């Protein structure tokens, strides 16, 4: 059965290329979107990696210093198998 992973998101202040703090992201999580919300700019998720808990990095990439970023990621290891009973809500299932 496939796992259903939780999606998380935060808005954060951009910075010069390098480390950006994103509270809650964990090493091993998968970035989906790193998108400026205050200016027209492409999704820059491909420029970034999760280098440590609470940190994404794009050293050598595009500066986001004047931008507010929407960062969305998929948590790894926290999902539950599709179709299993929810332990906190036994009447619910993954269906």
Protein backbone atom coordinates (compact mmCIF):
# COMPACT_ATOMS: atom_id res chain seq x y z
CA UNK A 1 0.00 0.00 0.00
CA UNK A 2 1.30 3.50 -0.76
CA UNK A 3 2.01 5.87 2.10
CA UNK A 4 0.14 9.12 2.46
CA UNK A 5 2.62 11.75 3.54
CA UNK A 6 1.65 15.04 5.06
CA UNK A 7 2.26 18.31 3.28
CA UNK A 8 3.53 21.29 5.25
CA UNK A 9 4.07 24.89 4.24
CA UNK A 10 5.47 28.12 5.63
CA UNK A 11 6.00 31.63 4.35
CA UNK A 12 9.49 32.90 5.07
CA UNK A 13 11.66 35.89 4.23
CA UNK A 14 13.96 35.31 1.29
CA UNK A 15 17.70 35.93 1.53
CA UNK A 16 20.88 36.06 -0.49
CA UNK A 17 21.65 32.68 -2.05
CA UNK A 18 22.52 30.29 0.76
CA UNK A 19 20.74 29.13 3.90
CA UNK A 20 17.12 30.05 4.62
CA UNK A 21 15.42 29.04 7.86
CA UNK A 22 12.17 27.13 7.38
CA UNK A 23 10.90 26.07 10.79
CA UNK A 24 9.57 22.52 10.77
CA UNK A 25 11.25 21.15 7.67
CA UNK A 26 13.42 18.10 8.33
CA UNK A 27 16.40 16.64 6.50
CA UNK A 28 14.92 13.98 4.24
CA UNK A 29 11.71 15.91 3.51
CA UNK A 30 10.99 16.63 -0.17
CA UNK A 31 10.61 20.20 -1.39
CA UNK A 32 7.63 20.78 -3.65
CA UNK A 33 7.48 24.57 -3.99
CA UNK A 34 9.78 27.47 -3.21
CA UNK A 35 7.75 30.29 -4.74
CA UNK A 36 7.89 34.05 -4.31
CA UNK A 37 4.48 35.39 -3.35
CA UNK A 38 5.21 39.11 -3.59
CA UNK A 39 6.83 39.24 -7.06
CA UNK A 40 6.48 37.36 -10.33
CA UNK A 41 9.07 34.57 -10.24
CA UNK A 42 9.19 30.89 -11.14
CA UNK A 43 9.05 28.01 -8.66
CA UNK A 44 12.65 27.68 -7.49
CA UNK A 45 12.34 24.35 -5.66
CA UNK A 46 14.85 22.78 -8.06
CA UNK A 47 17.52 25.24 -6.82
CA UNK A 48 17.08 24.30 -3.16
CA UNK A 49 17.91 21.30 -1.00
CA UNK A 50 17.04 20.52 2.60
CA UNK A 51 20.49 20.54 4.16
CA UNK A 52 19.51 20.23 7.85
CA UNK A 53 16.46 20.37 10.05
CA UNK A 54 14.85 23.83 9.69
CA UNK A 55 17.18 24.79 6.79
CA UNK A 56 16.99 24.93 3.01
CA UNK A 57 19.93 26.04 0.88
CA UNK A 58 20.56 27.27 -2.65
CA UNK A 59 24.23 28.31 -2.49
CA UNK A 60 25.21 29.55 -5.94
CA UNK A 61 21.56 29.96 -6.92
CA UNK A 62 19.22 32.90 -7.34
CA UNK A 63 18.95 35.52 -4.63
CA UNK A 64 15.52 35.80 -3.02
CA UNK A 65 16.53 38.71 -0.77
CA UNK A 66 13.58 40.98 -1.62
CA UNK A 67 11.02 38.19 -1.71
CA UNK A 68 8.55 36.51 0.60
CA UNK A 69 8.68 32.78 -0.15
CA UNK A 70 6.03 30.12 0.11
CA UNK A 71 7.86 26.89 0.94
CA UNK A 72 5.86 23.66 0.67
CA UNK A 73 7.24 20.22 1.35
CA UNK A 74 6.24 16.60 1.81
CA UNK A 75 7.17 15.10 5.16
CA UNK A 76 8.98 11.78 4.93
CA UNK A 77 8.44 8.97 7.38
CA UNK A 78 5.34 10.50 8.92
CA UNK A 79 2.80 9.05 6.56
CA UNK A 80 0.41 6.22 7.25
CA UNK A 81 -0.44 3.36 4.97
CA UNK A 82 -3.47 4.04 2.82
CA UNK A 83 -6.50 2.14 4.05
CA UNK A 84 -5.35 1.67 7.64
CA UNK A 85 -7.41 2.80 10.59
CA UNK A 86 -6.56 6.14 12.10
CA UNK A 87 -5.35 5.35 15.64
CA UNK A 88 -6.74 8.61 17.06
CA UNK A 89 -10.06 8.30 15.21
CA UNK A 90 -10.82 4.56 14.99
CA UNK A 91 -14.01 5.18 13.02
CA UNK A 92 -12.06 6.81 10.21
CA UNK A 93 -9.92 5.11 7.64
CA UNK A 94 -7.60 6.25 4.87
CA UNK A 95 -10.31 5.63 2.25
